[in-house]
N, C-alpha and C. Protein backbone atom coordinates (compact mmCIF):
# COMPACT_ATOMS: atom_id res chain seq x y z
N UNK A 1 -27.49 19.64 -9.22
CA UNK A 1 -26.70 18.43 -9.43
C UNK A 1 -25.21 18.77 -9.44
N UNK A 2 -24.89 19.97 -9.88
CA UNK A 2 -23.47 20.35 -9.97
C UNK A 2 -22.80 20.32 -8.59
N UNK A 3 -23.49 20.76 -7.54
CA UNK A 3 -22.92 20.71 -6.19
C UNK A 3 -22.65 19.28 -5.75
N UNK A 4 -23.55 18.39 -6.10
CA UNK A 4 -23.38 16.97 -5.74
C UNK A 4 -22.17 16.38 -6.47
N UNK A 5 -22.06 16.66 -7.75
CA UNK A 5 -20.92 16.16 -8.53
C UNK A 5 -19.61 16.71 -7.97
N UNK A 6 -19.60 17.99 -7.62
CA UNK A 6 -18.40 18.59 -7.03
C UNK A 6 -18.06 17.95 -5.69
N UNK A 7 -19.08 17.63 -4.90
CA UNK A 7 -18.86 16.98 -3.60
C UNK A 7 -18.25 15.59 -3.80
N UNK A 8 -18.74 14.85 -4.78
CA UNK A 8 -18.18 13.52 -5.08
C UNK A 8 -16.74 13.68 -5.54
N UNK A 9 -16.49 14.67 -6.36
CA UNK A 9 -15.13 14.91 -6.87
C UNK A 9 -14.16 15.24 -5.73
N UNK A 10 -14.62 16.03 -4.77
CA UNK A 10 -13.78 16.36 -3.62
C UNK A 10 -13.49 15.11 -2.79
N UNK A 11 -14.49 14.26 -2.61
CA UNK A 11 -14.28 13.00 -1.89
C UNK A 11 -13.27 12.12 -2.62
N UNK A 12 -13.39 12.07 -3.94
CA UNK A 12 -12.45 11.29 -4.75
C UNK A 12 -11.03 11.80 -4.58
N UNK A 13 -10.85 13.11 -4.67
CA UNK A 13 -9.52 13.70 -4.52
C UNK A 13 -8.94 13.43 -3.13
N UNK A 14 -9.79 13.48 -2.13
CA UNK A 14 -9.32 13.20 -0.77
C UNK A 14 -8.92 11.73 -0.64
N UNK A 15 -9.67 10.85 -1.23
CA UNK A 15 -9.32 9.43 -1.20
C UNK A 15 -8.01 9.17 -1.93
N UNK A 16 -7.78 9.88 -3.02
CA UNK A 16 -6.50 9.75 -3.74
C UNK A 16 -5.34 10.20 -2.85
N UNK A 17 -5.55 11.27 -2.10
CA UNK A 17 -4.52 11.73 -1.17
C UNK A 17 -4.28 10.67 -0.09
N UNK A 18 -5.36 10.08 0.40
CA UNK A 18 -5.23 9.04 1.42
C UNK A 18 -4.51 7.81 0.86
N UNK A 19 -4.72 7.50 -0.40
CA UNK A 19 -4.02 6.39 -1.04
C UNK A 19 -2.52 6.66 -1.10
N UNK A 20 -2.17 7.88 -1.40
CA UNK A 20 -0.76 8.27 -1.43
C UNK A 20 -0.15 8.16 -0.03
N UNK A 21 -0.87 8.59 0.98
CA UNK A 21 -0.39 8.47 2.36
C UNK A 21 -0.22 7.01 2.76
N UNK A 22 -1.14 6.17 2.32
CA UNK A 22 -1.04 4.74 2.64
C UNK A 22 0.22 4.15 1.99
N UNK A 23 0.53 4.59 0.78
CA UNK A 23 1.75 4.13 0.12
C UNK A 23 2.99 4.57 0.89
N UNK A 24 2.97 5.80 1.37
CA UNK A 24 4.09 6.31 2.18
C UNK A 24 4.24 5.49 3.46
N UNK A 25 3.13 5.17 4.09
CA UNK A 25 3.18 4.38 5.31
C UNK A 25 3.74 2.99 5.03
N UNK A 26 3.31 2.40 3.94
CA UNK A 26 3.80 1.07 3.60
C UNK A 26 5.30 1.08 3.35
N UNK A 27 5.80 2.11 2.67
CA UNK A 27 7.25 2.23 2.45
C UNK A 27 7.98 2.38 3.78
N UNK A 28 7.45 3.21 4.67
CA UNK A 28 8.08 3.42 5.98
C UNK A 28 8.07 2.13 6.80
N UNK A 29 6.98 1.38 6.72
CA UNK A 29 6.90 0.11 7.44
C UNK A 29 7.90 -0.90 6.87
N UNK A 30 8.07 -0.89 5.56
CA UNK A 30 8.97 -1.86 4.91
C UNK A 30 10.41 -1.69 5.37
N UNK A 31 10.80 -0.45 5.67
CA UNK A 31 12.18 -0.21 6.12
C UNK A 31 12.24 0.14 7.61
N UNK A 32 11.09 0.02 8.28
CA UNK A 32 10.98 0.20 9.72
C UNK A 32 11.47 1.58 10.19
N UNK A 33 10.93 2.63 9.60
CA UNK A 33 11.25 3.99 9.99
C UNK A 33 10.16 4.51 10.93
N UNK A 34 10.36 4.29 12.21
CA UNK A 34 9.34 4.61 13.22
C UNK A 34 8.84 6.03 13.17
N UNK A 35 9.74 7.01 13.09
CA UNK A 35 9.31 8.42 13.07
C UNK A 35 8.48 8.72 11.83
N UNK A 36 8.89 8.19 10.69
CA UNK A 36 8.12 8.39 9.46
C UNK A 36 6.75 7.75 9.55
N UNK A 37 6.69 6.57 10.16
CA UNK A 37 5.41 5.89 10.34
C UNK A 37 4.47 6.75 11.18
N UNK A 38 4.99 7.28 12.27
CA UNK A 38 4.17 8.13 13.14
C UNK A 38 3.67 9.37 12.40
N UNK A 39 4.56 9.99 11.62
CA UNK A 39 4.17 11.19 10.86
C UNK A 39 3.05 10.87 9.86
N UNK A 40 3.19 9.75 9.15
CA UNK A 40 2.18 9.38 8.17
C UNK A 40 0.86 9.04 8.84
N UNK A 41 0.91 8.35 9.96
CA UNK A 41 -0.32 8.00 10.67
C UNK A 41 -1.05 9.27 11.12
N UNK A 42 -0.30 10.26 11.60
CA UNK A 42 -0.94 11.54 11.98
C UNK A 42 -1.59 12.20 10.76
N UNK A 43 -0.88 12.18 9.63
CA UNK A 43 -1.44 12.76 8.41
C UNK A 43 -2.69 11.99 7.96
N UNK A 44 -2.65 10.67 8.12
CA UNK A 44 -3.81 9.86 7.75
C UNK A 44 -5.01 10.19 8.62
N UNK A 45 -4.78 10.40 9.90
CA UNK A 45 -5.88 10.74 10.80
C UNK A 45 -6.51 12.06 10.39
N UNK A 46 -5.68 13.05 10.05
CA UNK A 46 -6.19 14.35 9.59
C UNK A 46 -6.94 14.19 8.27
N UNK A 47 -6.40 13.38 7.37
CA UNK A 47 -7.05 13.16 6.07
C UNK A 47 -8.40 12.47 6.24
N UNK A 48 -8.48 11.54 7.18
CA UNK A 48 -9.74 10.84 7.44
C UNK A 48 -10.78 11.81 7.99
N UNK A 49 -10.36 12.69 8.88
CA UNK A 49 -11.29 13.69 9.41
C UNK A 49 -11.79 14.60 8.29
N UNK A 50 -10.90 14.98 7.39
CA UNK A 50 -11.30 15.83 6.27
C UNK A 50 -12.29 15.08 5.38
N UNK A 51 -12.04 13.79 5.13
CA UNK A 51 -12.95 12.99 4.31
C UNK A 51 -14.34 12.91 4.96
N UNK A 52 -14.38 12.77 6.28
CA UNK A 52 -15.66 12.72 6.97
C UNK A 52 -16.43 14.02 6.77
N UNK A 53 -15.74 15.15 6.80
CA UNK A 53 -16.37 16.45 6.56
C UNK A 53 -16.88 16.53 5.12
N UNK A 54 -16.06 16.09 4.18
CA UNK A 54 -16.47 16.09 2.77
C UNK A 54 -17.66 15.17 2.55
N UNK A 55 -17.69 14.07 3.24
CA UNK A 55 -18.81 13.13 3.12
C UNK A 55 -20.10 13.76 3.64
N UNK A 56 -20.01 14.53 4.70
CA UNK A 56 -21.18 15.24 5.21
C UNK A 56 -21.68 16.25 4.18
N UNK A 57 -20.75 16.95 3.54
CA UNK A 57 -21.12 17.91 2.50
C UNK A 57 -21.79 17.20 1.32
N UNK A 58 -21.28 16.02 0.96
CA UNK A 58 -21.88 15.24 -0.12
C UNK A 58 -23.31 14.85 0.24
N UNK A 59 -23.51 14.42 1.48
CA UNK A 59 -24.84 14.01 1.91
C UNK A 59 -25.80 15.20 1.91
N UNK A 60 -25.33 16.38 2.29
CA UNK A 60 -26.17 17.57 2.26
C UNK A 60 -26.57 17.91 0.82
N UNK A 61 -25.60 17.83 -0.09
CA UNK A 61 -25.91 18.11 -1.50
C UNK A 61 -26.90 17.09 -2.04
N UNK A 62 -26.77 15.87 -1.61
CA UNK A 62 -27.67 14.79 -2.02
C UNK A 62 -29.09 15.07 -1.52
N UNK A 63 -29.19 15.49 -0.28
CA UNK A 63 -30.51 15.79 0.29
C UNK A 63 -31.14 17.00 -0.40
N UNK A 64 -30.31 17.98 -0.77
CA UNK A 64 -30.83 19.16 -1.47
C UNK A 64 -31.43 18.78 -2.82
N UNK A 65 -30.96 17.69 -3.39
CA UNK A 65 -31.50 17.21 -4.66
C UNK A 65 -32.77 16.38 -4.45
N UNK A 66 -33.13 16.13 -3.19
CA UNK A 66 -34.33 15.38 -2.90
C UNK A 66 -34.10 13.90 -2.66
N UNK A 67 -32.84 13.48 -2.58
CA UNK A 67 -32.52 12.08 -2.32
C UNK A 67 -32.30 11.88 -0.83
N UNK A 68 -32.64 10.69 -0.37
CA UNK A 68 -32.39 10.32 1.02
C UNK A 68 -30.88 10.31 1.26
N UNK A 69 -30.44 10.67 2.45
CA UNK A 69 -29.00 10.69 2.74
C UNK A 69 -28.39 9.30 2.70
N UNK A 70 -29.21 8.26 2.82
CA UNK A 70 -28.70 6.89 2.79
C UNK A 70 -28.64 6.32 1.37
N UNK A 71 -29.13 7.07 0.38
CA UNK A 71 -29.11 6.58 -1.00
C UNK A 71 -27.67 6.48 -1.49
N UNK A 72 -27.39 5.45 -2.26
CA UNK A 72 -26.05 5.28 -2.81
C UNK A 72 -25.94 6.04 -4.13
N UNK A 73 -24.71 6.27 -4.54
CA UNK A 73 -24.48 6.94 -5.82
C UNK A 73 -25.06 6.11 -6.97
N UNK A 74 -24.99 4.80 -6.85
CA UNK A 74 -25.55 3.92 -7.88
C UNK A 74 -27.05 4.11 -7.97
N UNK A 75 -27.72 4.22 -6.84
CA UNK A 75 -29.17 4.44 -6.85
C UNK A 75 -29.50 5.79 -7.48
N UNK A 76 -28.69 6.79 -7.19
CA UNK A 76 -28.93 8.12 -7.78
C UNK A 76 -28.71 8.07 -9.29
N UNK A 77 -27.64 7.39 -9.70
CA UNK A 77 -27.37 7.26 -11.14
C UNK A 77 -28.52 6.58 -11.87
N UNK A 78 -29.10 5.57 -11.25
CA UNK A 78 -30.21 4.84 -11.87
C UNK A 78 -31.42 5.75 -12.10
N UNK A 79 -31.57 6.77 -11.27
CA UNK A 79 -32.72 7.66 -11.37
C UNK A 79 -32.47 8.87 -12.27
N UNK A 80 -31.21 9.08 -12.65
CA UNK A 80 -30.86 10.25 -13.45
C UNK A 80 -31.16 10.01 -14.93
N UNK A 81 -31.58 11.07 -15.63
CA UNK A 81 -31.74 10.94 -17.08
C UNK A 81 -30.36 10.89 -17.75
N UNK A 82 -30.29 10.26 -18.92
CA UNK A 82 -29.04 10.21 -19.65
C UNK A 82 -28.59 11.63 -20.01
N UNK A 83 -27.29 11.80 -20.01
CA UNK A 83 -26.76 13.11 -20.36
C UNK A 83 -25.37 13.29 -19.79
N UNK A 84 -24.77 14.45 -20.00
CA UNK A 84 -23.39 14.70 -19.56
C UNK A 84 -23.21 14.63 -18.04
N UNK A 85 -24.20 15.09 -17.28
CA UNK A 85 -24.08 15.03 -15.82
C UNK A 85 -24.05 13.59 -15.34
N UNK A 86 -24.90 12.76 -15.90
CA UNK A 86 -24.92 11.35 -15.52
C UNK A 86 -23.61 10.68 -15.91
N UNK A 87 -23.10 10.99 -17.09
CA UNK A 87 -21.83 10.41 -17.54
C UNK A 87 -20.69 10.83 -16.62
N UNK A 88 -20.66 12.10 -16.25
CA UNK A 88 -19.60 12.62 -15.37
C UNK A 88 -19.69 11.95 -14.00
N UNK A 89 -20.89 11.87 -13.46
CA UNK A 89 -21.06 11.24 -12.15
C UNK A 89 -20.69 9.76 -12.20
N UNK A 90 -21.08 9.07 -13.24
CA UNK A 90 -20.75 7.65 -13.38
C UNK A 90 -19.23 7.46 -13.41
N UNK A 91 -18.53 8.33 -14.12
CA UNK A 91 -17.07 8.26 -14.19
C UNK A 91 -16.45 8.50 -12.81
N UNK A 92 -16.94 9.51 -12.10
CA UNK A 92 -16.40 9.81 -10.77
C UNK A 92 -16.65 8.65 -9.80
N UNK A 93 -17.83 8.08 -9.86
CA UNK A 93 -18.18 6.98 -8.97
C UNK A 93 -17.29 5.77 -9.26
N UNK A 94 -17.06 5.49 -10.54
CA UNK A 94 -16.18 4.37 -10.90
C UNK A 94 -14.76 4.60 -10.38
N UNK A 95 -14.26 5.83 -10.54
CA UNK A 95 -12.93 6.16 -10.03
C UNK A 95 -12.88 6.03 -8.51
N UNK A 96 -13.91 6.51 -7.85
CA UNK A 96 -13.97 6.45 -6.38
C UNK A 96 -13.97 5.00 -5.90
N UNK A 97 -14.71 4.16 -6.56
CA UNK A 97 -14.72 2.73 -6.19
C UNK A 97 -13.34 2.11 -6.35
N UNK A 98 -12.66 2.44 -7.45
CA UNK A 98 -11.33 1.88 -7.69
C UNK A 98 -10.33 2.36 -6.65
N UNK A 99 -10.36 3.64 -6.34
CA UNK A 99 -9.45 4.19 -5.34
C UNK A 99 -9.73 3.57 -3.97
N UNK A 100 -11.00 3.40 -3.64
CA UNK A 100 -11.36 2.78 -2.36
C UNK A 100 -10.87 1.34 -2.29
N UNK A 101 -10.98 0.61 -3.39
CA UNK A 101 -10.49 -0.77 -3.44
C UNK A 101 -8.98 -0.80 -3.27
N UNK A 102 -8.28 0.08 -3.99
CA UNK A 102 -6.82 0.16 -3.87
C UNK A 102 -6.40 0.53 -2.46
N UNK A 103 -7.12 1.46 -1.86
CA UNK A 103 -6.81 1.89 -0.50
C UNK A 103 -6.98 0.75 0.48
N UNK A 104 -8.04 0.00 0.31
CA UNK A 104 -8.30 -1.15 1.19
C UNK A 104 -7.18 -2.18 1.07
N UNK A 105 -6.75 -2.47 -0.15
CA UNK A 105 -5.68 -3.45 -0.37
C UNK A 105 -4.35 -2.97 0.22
N UNK A 106 -4.03 -1.71 -0.01
CA UNK A 106 -2.77 -1.18 0.53
C UNK A 106 -2.81 -1.16 2.06
N UNK A 107 -3.96 -0.82 2.62
CA UNK A 107 -4.08 -0.82 4.07
C UNK A 107 -3.88 -2.22 4.62
N UNK A 108 -4.43 -3.21 3.93
CA UNK A 108 -4.25 -4.61 4.34
C UNK A 108 -2.77 -4.98 4.31
N UNK A 109 -2.07 -4.59 3.24
CA UNK A 109 -0.63 -4.87 3.13
C UNK A 109 0.15 -4.18 4.24
N UNK A 110 -0.19 -2.93 4.53
CA UNK A 110 0.48 -2.19 5.60
C UNK A 110 0.27 -2.85 6.94
N UNK A 111 -0.93 -3.33 7.17
CA UNK A 111 -1.23 -4.01 8.42
C UNK A 111 -0.38 -5.26 8.58
N UNK A 112 -0.24 -6.02 7.50
CA UNK A 112 0.60 -7.22 7.55
C UNK A 112 2.06 -6.86 7.85
N UNK A 113 2.56 -5.81 7.21
CA UNK A 113 3.94 -5.37 7.49
C UNK A 113 4.09 -4.95 8.95
N UNK A 114 3.10 -4.23 9.46
CA UNK A 114 3.15 -3.79 10.85
C UNK A 114 3.14 -4.99 11.80
N UNK A 115 2.35 -6.00 11.48
CA UNK A 115 2.30 -7.20 12.32
C UNK A 115 3.63 -7.92 12.30
N UNK A 116 4.27 -7.98 11.14
CA UNK A 116 5.59 -8.61 11.06
C UNK A 116 6.61 -7.85 11.90
N UNK A 117 6.58 -6.51 11.79
CA UNK A 117 7.49 -5.68 12.59
C UNK A 117 7.25 -5.90 14.07
N UNK A 118 5.99 -5.96 14.46
CA UNK A 118 5.65 -6.15 15.86
C UNK A 118 6.12 -7.50 16.37
N UNK A 119 5.95 -8.54 15.56
CA UNK A 119 6.43 -9.86 15.97
C UNK A 119 7.94 -9.87 16.12
N UNK A 120 8.64 -9.19 15.25
CA UNK A 120 10.09 -9.12 15.34
C UNK A 120 10.50 -8.40 16.62
N UNK A 121 9.85 -7.30 16.91
CA UNK A 121 10.15 -6.54 18.13
C UNK A 121 9.87 -7.39 19.36
N UNK A 122 8.71 -8.06 19.37
CA UNK A 122 8.37 -8.92 20.50
C UNK A 122 9.38 -10.04 20.66
N UNK A 123 9.83 -10.59 19.56
CA UNK A 123 10.83 -11.65 19.60
C UNK A 123 12.15 -11.13 20.16
N UNK A 124 12.55 -9.96 19.73
CA UNK A 124 13.80 -9.37 20.23
C UNK A 124 13.71 -9.07 21.73
N UNK A 125 12.58 -8.58 22.15
CA UNK A 125 12.40 -8.28 23.58
C UNK A 125 12.38 -9.55 24.42
N UNK A 126 11.92 -10.65 23.83
CA UNK A 126 11.83 -11.91 24.57
C UNK A 126 13.14 -12.68 24.55
N UNK A 127 14.15 -12.14 23.95
CA UNK A 127 15.44 -12.82 23.95
C UNK A 127 15.98 -13.07 22.57
N UNK A 128 15.22 -12.77 21.56
CA UNK A 128 15.71 -12.80 20.20
C UNK A 128 15.67 -14.13 19.50
N UNK A 129 15.75 -15.24 20.18
CA UNK A 129 15.83 -16.53 19.49
C UNK A 129 14.60 -17.40 19.74
N UNK A 130 13.62 -16.89 20.43
CA UNK A 130 12.50 -17.71 20.85
C UNK A 130 11.80 -18.44 19.70
N UNK A 131 11.44 -17.76 18.62
CA UNK A 131 10.71 -18.40 17.53
C UNK A 131 11.45 -18.28 16.21
N UNK A 132 12.77 -18.23 16.28
CA UNK A 132 13.54 -18.09 15.07
C UNK A 132 14.48 -19.26 14.90
N UNK A 133 14.99 -19.43 13.69
CA UNK A 133 15.99 -20.45 13.44
C UNK A 133 17.34 -19.88 13.84
N UNK A 134 18.40 -20.64 13.68
CA UNK A 134 19.73 -20.16 14.04
C UNK A 134 20.13 -18.97 13.19
N UNK A 135 19.62 -18.85 11.99
CA UNK A 135 19.97 -17.73 11.13
C UNK A 135 19.16 -16.48 11.46
N UNK A 136 18.22 -16.56 12.41
CA UNK A 136 17.40 -15.41 12.78
C UNK A 136 16.13 -15.28 11.95
N UNK A 137 15.84 -16.26 11.13
CA UNK A 137 14.65 -16.25 10.30
C UNK A 137 13.53 -16.98 11.04
N UNK A 138 12.31 -16.48 10.90
CA UNK A 138 11.19 -17.14 11.56
C UNK A 138 11.08 -18.59 11.10
N UNK A 139 10.83 -19.46 12.03
CA UNK A 139 10.67 -20.87 11.71
C UNK A 139 9.30 -21.11 11.10
N UNK A 140 9.11 -22.27 10.48
CA UNK A 140 7.81 -22.61 9.88
C UNK A 140 6.70 -22.59 10.92
N UNK A 141 7.00 -23.07 12.13
CA UNK A 141 5.97 -23.11 13.16
C UNK A 141 5.53 -21.69 13.51
N UNK A 142 6.44 -20.74 13.51
CA UNK A 142 6.08 -19.35 13.80
C UNK A 142 5.27 -18.76 12.65
N UNK A 143 5.65 -19.07 11.42
CA UNK A 143 4.93 -18.53 10.27
C UNK A 143 3.50 -19.04 10.21
N UNK A 144 3.26 -20.24 10.75
CA UNK A 144 1.92 -20.82 10.70
C UNK A 144 1.00 -20.25 11.77
N UNK A 145 1.58 -19.60 12.78
CA UNK A 145 0.75 -19.05 13.86
C UNK A 145 0.00 -17.82 13.36
N UNK A 146 -1.19 -17.58 13.88
CA UNK A 146 -1.92 -16.38 13.48
C UNK A 146 -1.18 -15.14 13.97
N UNK A 147 -1.29 -14.02 13.23
CA UNK A 147 -0.59 -12.80 13.61
C UNK A 147 -1.03 -12.30 14.98
N UNK A 148 -0.09 -11.76 15.70
CA UNK A 148 -0.34 -11.15 17.00
C UNK A 148 -0.08 -9.66 16.86
N UNK A 149 -0.70 -8.83 17.68
CA UNK A 149 -0.36 -7.42 17.66
C UNK A 149 -1.57 -6.52 17.76
N UNK A 150 -1.33 -5.29 17.41
CA UNK A 150 -2.38 -4.26 17.50
C UNK A 150 -3.12 -4.13 16.19
N UNK A 151 -4.21 -3.41 16.23
CA UNK A 151 -5.01 -3.19 15.02
C UNK A 151 -4.88 -1.72 14.62
N UNK A 152 -4.71 -1.50 13.33
CA UNK A 152 -4.74 -0.14 12.81
C UNK A 152 -6.18 0.22 12.55
N UNK A 153 -6.44 1.50 12.37
CA UNK A 153 -7.78 1.97 12.09
C UNK A 153 -8.26 1.36 10.78
N UNK A 154 -9.32 0.59 10.83
CA UNK A 154 -9.86 -0.07 9.66
C UNK A 154 -11.00 0.70 9.04
N UNK A 155 -11.06 2.01 9.23
CA UNK A 155 -12.19 2.81 8.75
C UNK A 155 -12.10 3.17 7.29
N UNK A 156 -11.07 2.72 6.61
CA UNK A 156 -10.89 3.17 5.23
C UNK A 156 -11.88 2.54 4.35
């Protein structure tokens, strides 16, 4: 069980690192620092690959304990006897869920910032005043339109 708990802990730490990278990306998007955005996205891709490797290790540890690789941590917790290992695993799982939720929310915010930046760039390329008011602010009709642009990796 100790290998499984360590594998979950490694996944949690990797997700925390990814959360920090997402925060960096959001800051770079907010001030439109293209080079910084590119650097963070590269780091995120590497972090995601590392998480996938850690997830494989977790699944191997899970199978070594006799659990199906598709079993969830909650299902494993339900089958464990009460004790310090179960308490530790429950704490790690709760932390992992919270970090994953935070990561999802920050990624959503970053995507919205990226879409805004993209719309601004598209507007500037199209002549700058196409969907803006005289002050350069998006008009209500533009704000009501669905976002246009590219999609970031939604694998988080």
